[in-house]
């Protein structure tokens, strides 16, 4: 049985785990991400060595981190949530210290691999996984293989501009991330609340201390009209974005995580209506949209799956 070390590097917290080829976790440690790469890498190494004393040998290492990064060279390239991480050679660092191959992927690609193997994407041949968390990232499995593009930048649907203006995501007003990422939904809520107030209408959103994607969803579940309208708009924009992918790639499965998985009832009706309007009928007929299944497990499962996928690609 193959055993893997999984490393998940985040802006506020990082985690290390050991597990097997079925993404079963043997042992795990989580801690606050350090100030800069040196402190974080040293802490990751220390926790990994502690875990290996409990679980024994490993066959490969999988590393997940937010982009930008270069999976081929194993470099983390200054992600916005990791200040000071400029061209950090993370795969070389861990491979040299533990004597096995190490592999790196961004969180969207890693999530796509994990959901494809162990989650809502099982059995799919042509899959798109959408993170729909703070931002909006996508990973692609095409013809049963992870598709990264010419230089690792495939799947950046969040960067596509849907409208000339609107909430900002990926540095673009009106982008998919602007309308469908958590930060963008908060911006959209502020815009729509200002319009609502200007029209002399009231909303429970005015009483919230912070307009966040989560708090707006909670208000929508309490039947606040404006909150329901905001999430219907999110669903419409998500449907328009997914329709582009369905027609372009002829997918058989789309898996959407985080905000969609938690608020599917608020988002799906408008999303499906727009997809029915926009997609080629034959392309839509063979594609299903599902909520991600791995939930809070996805970070560990993704890192372990990156190790497994990388090792298989070498054989």
Foldseek 3Di string as FASTA:
>chain_A
DAKEWFWEDELFKIKIFIDDPLLDTDDMDMDTQDQADVVRLVVRVVVVVVRCVVVPAHAEWFYEAADDDFFVQQFHDQDVSRPHRHRPNNQVSVCVVRVHGYTYDYLQQLLVLLCCRHKPNDPWQWEWEWALEQFTFIWIRHRNHTDQPDGRPPGRQQAAADDQAAADDPNHGRGLRLLRHFNNLQRRLVVLVVVCVVVVHDWPVVVDPGRTLVVLLVSVVVVTPSSLVSLLSNLQSLLVSVQVVLQVRLTQEYEYEDSCLVRVVSRVVSSVVNSVVRHDPVSVVRYDYYYIDCPPSSSSSSRRSSTVSVVVVVD
